[in-house]
PDB file of N, CA and C in Angstrom:
ATOM      1  N   UNK A   1       1.640  38.901  31.631  1.00  0.00           N
ATOM      2  CA  UNK A   1       1.484  37.765  31.746  1.00  0.00           C
ATOM      3  C   UNK A   1       1.241  36.805  30.611  1.00  0.00           C
ATOM      4  N   UNK A   2       2.101  35.854  30.477  1.00  0.00           N
ATOM      5  CA  UNK A   2       1.889  35.126  29.213  1.00  0.00           C
ATOM      6  C   UNK A   2       1.017  33.665  29.682  1.00  0.00           C
ATOM      7  N   UNK A   3       0.134  33.468  28.638  1.00  0.00           N
ATOM      8  CA  UNK A   3      -0.450  32.068  28.883  1.00  0.00           C
ATOM      9  C   UNK A   3       0.094  30.947  28.360  1.00  0.00           C
ATOM     10  N   UNK A   4       0.387  30.205  29.000  1.00  0.00           N
ATOM     11  CA  UNK A   4       0.797  28.703  28.438  1.00  0.00           C
ATOM     12  C   UNK A   4      -0.209  27.525  28.289  1.00  0.00           C
ATOM     13  N   UNK A   5      -0.004  26.935  27.293  1.00  0.00           N
ATOM     14  CA  UNK A   5      -0.845  25.828  26.835  1.00  0.00           C
ATOM     15  C   UNK A   5      -0.349  24.593  27.538  1.00  0.00           C
ATOM     16  N   UNK A   6      -0.990  23.541  27.789  1.00  0.00           N
ATOM     17  CA  UNK A   6      -0.581  22.434  28.390  1.00  0.00           C
ATOM     18  C   UNK A   6       0.032  21.887  27.265  1.00  0.00           C
ATOM     19  N   UNK A   7       1.013  20.647  27.558  1.00  0.00           N
ATOM     20  CA  UNK A   7       1.877  20.087  26.660  1.00  0.00           C
ATOM     21  C   UNK A   7       0.842  19.093  25.759  1.00  0.00           C
ATOM     22  N   UNK A   8      -0.252  18.652  26.647  1.00  0.00           N
ATOM     23  CA  UNK A   8      -1.481  17.846  25.727  1.00  0.00           C
ATOM     24  C   UNK A   8      -1.991  18.600  24.550  1.00  0.00           C
ATOM     25  N   UNK A   9      -2.318  19.905  24.863  1.00  0.00           N
ATOM     26  CA  UNK A   9      -3.138  20.851  23.808  1.00  0.00           C
ATOM     27  C   UNK A   9      -2.072  21.341  22.754  1.00  0.00           C
ATOM     28  N   UNK A  10      -0.582  21.228  23.255  1.00  0.00           N
ATOM     29  CA  UNK A  10       0.114  21.641  22.001  1.00  0.00           C
ATOM     30  C   UNK A  10       0.388  20.848  20.967  1.00  0.00           C
ATOM     31  N   UNK A  11       0.245  19.610  21.271  1.00  0.00           N
ATOM     32  CA  UNK A  11       0.619  18.185  20.553  1.00  0.00           C
ATOM     33  C   UNK A  11      -0.411  17.974  19.780  1.00  0.00           C
ATOM     34  N   UNK A  12      -1.864  18.378  20.129  1.00  0.00           N
ATOM     35  CA  UNK A  12      -3.304  17.883  19.434  1.00  0.00           C
ATOM     36  C   UNK A  12      -3.297  18.285  18.026  1.00  0.00           C
ATOM     37  N   UNK A  13      -3.216  17.516  17.061  1.00  0.00           N
ATOM     38  CA  UNK A  13      -3.845  17.884  15.802  1.00  0.00           C
ATOM     39  C   UNK A  13      -5.031  18.478  15.506  1.00  0.00           C
ATOM     40  N   UNK A  14      -5.494  19.213  14.579  1.00  0.00           N
ATOM     41  CA  UNK A  14      -6.651  19.611  14.335  1.00  0.00           C
ATOM     42  C   UNK A  14      -7.717  18.537  13.790  1.00  0.00           C
ATOM     43  N   UNK A  15      -8.794  18.857  13.392  1.00  0.00           N
ATOM     44  CA  UNK A  15      -9.489  17.561  12.841  1.00  0.00           C
ATOM     45  C   UNK A  15      -9.248  17.452  11.230  1.00  0.00           C
ATOM     46  N   UNK A  16      -9.079  18.534  10.796  1.00  0.00           N
ATOM     47  CA  UNK A  16      -8.273  18.781   9.430  1.00  0.00           C
ATOM     48  C   UNK A  16      -7.018  17.670   9.087  1.00  0.00           C
ATOM     49  N   UNK A  17      -6.268  17.835   9.943  1.00  0.00           N
ATOM     50  CA  UNK A  17      -4.967  17.471  10.200  1.00  0.00           C
ATOM     51  C   UNK A  17      -5.277  15.867  10.110  1.00  0.00           C
ATOM     52  N   UNK A  18      -6.069  15.410  11.235  1.00  0.00           N
ATOM     53  CA  UNK A  18      -6.143  13.936  11.409  1.00  0.00           C
ATOM     54  C   UNK A  18      -7.022  13.256  10.085  1.00  0.00           C
ATOM     55  N   UNK A  19      -7.890  14.170   9.215  1.00  0.00           N
ATOM     56  CA  UNK A  19      -8.617  13.812   8.244  1.00  0.00           C
ATOM     57  C   UNK A  19      -7.299  13.465   7.099  1.00  0.00           C
ATOM     58  N   UNK A  20      -6.428  14.456   6.975  1.00  0.00           N
ATOM     59  CA  UNK A  20      -5.517  14.503   6.039  1.00  0.00           C
ATOM     60  C   UNK A  20      -4.563  13.109   6.362  1.00  0.00           C
ATOM     61  N   UNK A  21      -4.374  12.738   7.518  1.00  0.00           N
ATOM     62  CA  UNK A  21      -3.322  11.773   7.725  1.00  0.00           C
ATOM     63  C   UNK A  21      -4.243  10.376   7.691  1.00  0.00           C
ATOM     64  N   UNK A  22      -5.424  10.456   8.117  1.00  0.00           N
ATOM     65  CA  UNK A  22      -6.087   9.195   7.931  1.00  0.00           C
ATOM     66  C   UNK A  22      -6.338   8.892   6.410  1.00  0.00           C
ATOM     67  N   UNK A  23      -6.766   9.859   5.658  1.00  0.00           N
ATOM     68  CA  UNK A  23      -7.127   9.518   4.227  1.00  0.00           C
ATOM     69  C   UNK A  23      -5.390   9.181   3.644  1.00  0.00           C
ATOM     70  N   UNK A  24      -4.367   9.762   3.866  1.00  0.00           N
ATOM     71  CA  UNK A  24      -2.941   9.621   3.395  1.00  0.00           C
ATOM     72  C   UNK A  24      -2.540   8.036   3.835  1.00  0.00           C
ATOM     73  N   UNK A  25      -2.984   7.652   4.855  1.00  0.00           N
ATOM     74  CA  UNK A  25      -2.836   6.283   5.368  1.00  0.00           C
ATOM     75  C   UNK A  25      -3.637   5.052   4.468  1.00  0.00           C
ATOM     76  N   UNK A  26      -5.015   5.604   4.289  1.00  0.00           N
ATOM     77  CA  UNK A  26      -5.620   4.848   3.459  1.00  0.00           C
ATOM     78  C   UNK A  26      -5.364   4.575   1.927  1.00  0.00           C
ATOM     79  N   UNK A  27      -5.103   5.638   1.339  1.00  0.00           N
ATOM     80  CA  UNK A  27      -4.214   5.929   0.297  1.00  0.00           C
ATOM     81  C   UNK A  27      -2.899   5.135   0.000  1.00  0.00           C
ATOM     82  N   UNK A  28      -2.378   5.250   1.101  1.00  0.00           N
ATOM     83  CA  UNK A  28      -0.940   4.308   1.060  1.00  0.00           C
ATOM     84  C   UNK A  28      -1.093   2.577   1.326  1.00  0.00           C
ATOM     85  N   UNK A  29      -2.359   2.446   1.750  1.00  0.00           N
ATOM     86  CA  UNK A  29      -2.758   1.000   1.949  1.00  0.00           C
ATOM     87  C   UNK A  29      -3.077   0.584   0.902  1.00  0.00           C
ATOM     88  N   UNK A  30      -4.085   1.694   0.045  1.00  0.00           N
ATOM     89  CA  UNK A  30      -4.700   0.877  -0.976  1.00  0.00           C
ATOM     90  C   UNK A  30      -3.595   0.903  -2.151  1.00  0.00           C
ATOM     91  N   UNK A  31      -2.628   1.690  -2.556  1.00  0.00           N
ATOM     92  CA  UNK A  31      -1.419   1.333  -3.424  1.00  0.00           C
ATOM     93  C   UNK A  31      -0.682   0.232  -2.769  1.00  0.00           C
ATOM     94  N   UNK A  32      -0.392   0.106  -1.870  1.00  0.00           N
ATOM     95  CA  UNK A  32       0.133  -1.260  -1.122  1.00  0.00           C
ATOM     96  C   UNK A  32      -0.576  -2.402  -1.841  1.00  0.00           C
ATOM     97  N   UNK A  33      -1.925  -2.461  -1.540  1.00  0.00           N
ATOM     98  CA  UNK A  33      -2.610  -3.630  -2.081  1.00  0.00           C
ATOM     99  C   UNK A  33      -2.541  -3.778  -3.325  1.00  0.00           C
ATOM    100  N   UNK A  34      -2.713  -2.724  -4.019  1.00  0.00           N
ATOM    101  CA  UNK A  34      -2.777  -3.045  -5.914  1.00  0.00           C
ATOM    102  C   UNK A  34      -1.134  -3.399  -6.175  1.00  0.00           C
ATOM    103  N   UNK A  35      -0.223  -2.736  -5.483  1.00  0.00           N
ATOM    104  CA  UNK A  35       1.390  -3.216  -6.194  1.00  0.00           C
ATOM    105  C   UNK A  35       1.038  -4.959  -5.759  1.00  0.00           C
ATOM    106  N   UNK A  36       0.742  -5.163  -4.683  1.00  0.00           N
ATOM    107  CA  UNK A  36       0.764  -6.640  -4.112  1.00  0.00           C
ATOM    108  C   UNK A  36      -0.034  -7.601  -5.090  1.00  0.00           C
ATOM    109  N   UNK A  37      -1.118  -7.094  -5.541  1.00  0.00           N
ATOM    110  CA  UNK A  37      -2.090  -7.795  -6.224  1.00  0.00           C
ATOM    111  C   UNK A  37      -1.247  -7.845  -7.635  1.00  0.00           C
ATOM    112  N   UNK A  38      -0.750  -6.884  -8.451  1.00  0.00           N
ATOM    113  CA  UNK A  38      -0.245  -6.862  -9.512  1.00  0.00           C
ATOM    114  C   UNK A  38       0.862  -7.638  -9.307  1.00  0.00           C
ATOM    115  N   UNK A  39       1.852  -7.723  -8.421  1.00  0.00           N
ATOM    116  CA  UNK A  39       3.067  -8.510  -8.567  1.00  0.00           C
ATOM    117  C   UNK A  39       2.597 -10.045  -8.403  1.00  0.00           C
ATOM    118  N   UNK A  40       1.566 -10.333  -7.724  1.00  0.00           N
ATOM    119  CA  UNK A  40       1.088 -11.840  -7.636  1.00  0.00           C
ATOM    120  C   UNK A  40       0.353 -12.196  -8.614  1.00  0.00           C
ATOM    121  N   UNK A  41      -0.318 -11.323  -9.840  1.00  0.00           N
ATOM    122  CA  UNK A  41      -0.951 -11.453 -10.899  1.00  0.00           C
ATOM    123  C   UNK A  41       0.263 -12.217 -11.830  1.00  0.00           C
ATOM    124  N   UNK A  42       1.333 -11.030 -11.799  1.00  0.00           N
ATOM    125  CA  UNK A  42       2.319 -11.390 -13.196  1.00  0.00           C
ATOM    126  C   UNK A  42       3.252 -12.613 -12.709  1.00  0.00           C
ATOM    127  N   UNK A  43       3.408 -12.826 -11.552  1.00  0.00           N
ATOM    128  CA  UNK A  43       4.165 -14.095 -10.749  1.00  0.00           C
ATOM    129  C   UNK A  43       3.297 -15.261 -11.196  1.00  0.00           C
ATOM    130  N   UNK A  44       2.205 -15.210 -11.204  1.00  0.00           N
ATOM    131  CA  UNK A  44       1.046 -16.332 -11.667  1.00  0.00           C
ATOM    132  C   UNK A  44       1.350 -16.452 -13.409  1.00  0.00           C
ATOM    133  N   UNK A  45       1.282 -15.401 -13.939  1.00  0.00           N
ATOM    134  CA  UNK A  45       1.306 -15.428 -15.418  1.00  0.00           C
ATOM    135  C   UNK A  45       2.602 -15.855 -15.901  1.00  0.00           C
ATOM    136  N   UNK A  46       3.598 -15.557 -15.004  1.00  0.00           N
ATOM    137  CA  UNK A  46       5.324 -16.101 -15.515  1.00  0.00           C
ATOM    138  C   UNK A  46       5.059 -17.635 -15.226  1.00  0.00           C
ATOM    139  N   UNK A  47       4.536 -17.972 -14.064  1.00  0.00           N
ATOM    140  CA  UNK A  47       4.779 -19.548 -14.139  1.00  0.00           C
ATOM    141  C   UNK A  47       4.040 -20.262 -14.954  1.00  0.00           C
ATOM    142  N   UNK A  48       2.846 -19.708 -15.239  1.00  0.00           N
ATOM    143  CA  UNK A  48       2.089 -20.532 -16.265  1.00  0.00           C
ATOM    144  C   UNK A  48       2.666 -20.262 -17.662  1.00  0.00           C
ATOM    145  N   UNK A  49       3.332 -19.374 -17.957  1.00  0.00           N
ATOM    146  CA  UNK A  49       4.025 -19.230 -19.238  1.00  0.00           C
ATOM    147  C   UNK A  49       5.231 -20.154 -19.209  1.00  0.00           C
ATOM    148  N   UNK A  50       6.084 -20.155 -18.095  1.00  0.00           N
ATOM    149  CA  UNK A  50       7.039 -21.443 -17.950  1.00  0.00           C
ATOM    150  C   UNK A  50       6.451 -22.486 -18.320  1.00  0.00           C
ATOM    151  N   UNK A  51       5.415 -22.658 -17.496  1.00  0.00           N
ATOM    152  CA  UNK A  51       4.998 -24.445 -17.479  1.00  0.00           C
ATOM    153  C   UNK A  51       4.865 -24.761 -18.924  1.00  0.00           C
ATOM    154  N   UNK A  52       3.914 -23.726 -19.704  1.00  0.00           N
ATOM    155  CA  UNK A  52       3.467 -23.943 -21.009  1.00  0.00           C
ATOM    156  C   UNK A  52       4.634 -24.183 -21.938  1.00  0.00           C
ATOM    157  N   UNK A  53       5.805 -23.324 -22.071  1.00  0.00           N
ATOM    158  CA  UNK A  53       6.992 -23.521 -22.530  1.00  0.00           C
ATOM    159  C   UNK A  53       7.639 -24.797 -22.338  1.00  0.00           C
ATOM    160  N   UNK A  54       7.547 -25.262 -21.033  1.00  0.00           N
ATOM    161  CA  UNK A  54       8.092 -26.357 -20.691  1.00  0.00           C
ATOM    162  C   UNK A  54       7.651 -27.544 -21.354  1.00  0.00           C
ATOM    163  N   UNK A  55       6.138 -27.642 -21.231  1.00  0.00           N
ATOM    164  CA  UNK A  55       5.480 -28.717 -21.997  1.00  0.00           C
ATOM    165  C   UNK A  55       5.898 -28.811 -23.430  1.00  0.00           C
ATOM    166  N   UNK A  56       5.763 -27.741 -24.020  1.00  0.00           N
ATOM    167  CA  UNK A  56       5.718 -27.728 -25.447  1.00  0.00           C
ATOM    168  C   UNK A  56       7.257 -28.130 -26.004  1.00  0.00           C
ATOM    169  N   UNK A  57       8.598 -27.745 -25.075  1.00  0.00           N
ATOM    170  CA  UNK A  57       9.609 -28.155 -25.461  1.00  0.00           C
ATOM    171  C   UNK A  57       9.611 -29.810 -24.953  1.00  0.00           C
ATOM    172  N   UNK A  58       9.069 -30.323 -24.213  1.00  0.00           N
ATOM    173  CA  UNK A  58       8.857 -31.822 -24.040  1.00  0.00           C
ATOM    174  C   UNK A  58       8.225 -32.370 -25.141  1.00  0.00           C
ATOM    175  N   UNK A  59       7.210 -31.859 -25.752  1.00  0.00           N
ATOM    176  CA  UNK A  59       6.335 -32.345 -26.718  1.00  0.00           C
ATOM    177  C   UNK A  59       7.570 -32.406 -28.096  1.00  0.00           C
ATOM    178  N   UNK A  60       8.214 -31.318 -28.111  1.00  0.00           N
ATOM    179  CA  UNK A  60       9.077 -31.278 -29.228  1.00  0.00           C
ATOM    180  C   UNK A  60      10.365 -32.448 -29.154  1.00  0.00           C
TER     181      UNK A  60
END
């Protein structure tokens, strides 16, 4: 006789894999946040630099 596990138990992840998956998602979210913040900061810096350059050219 072979014992079959139910489909529900077969696809259930262990606690270790759940923690790994959750921490990976959290890390991915943090990386995405840092990338967005960096891009936002660089965009603001570029706009500021362009405005200063434009004002300097108008004065000249």
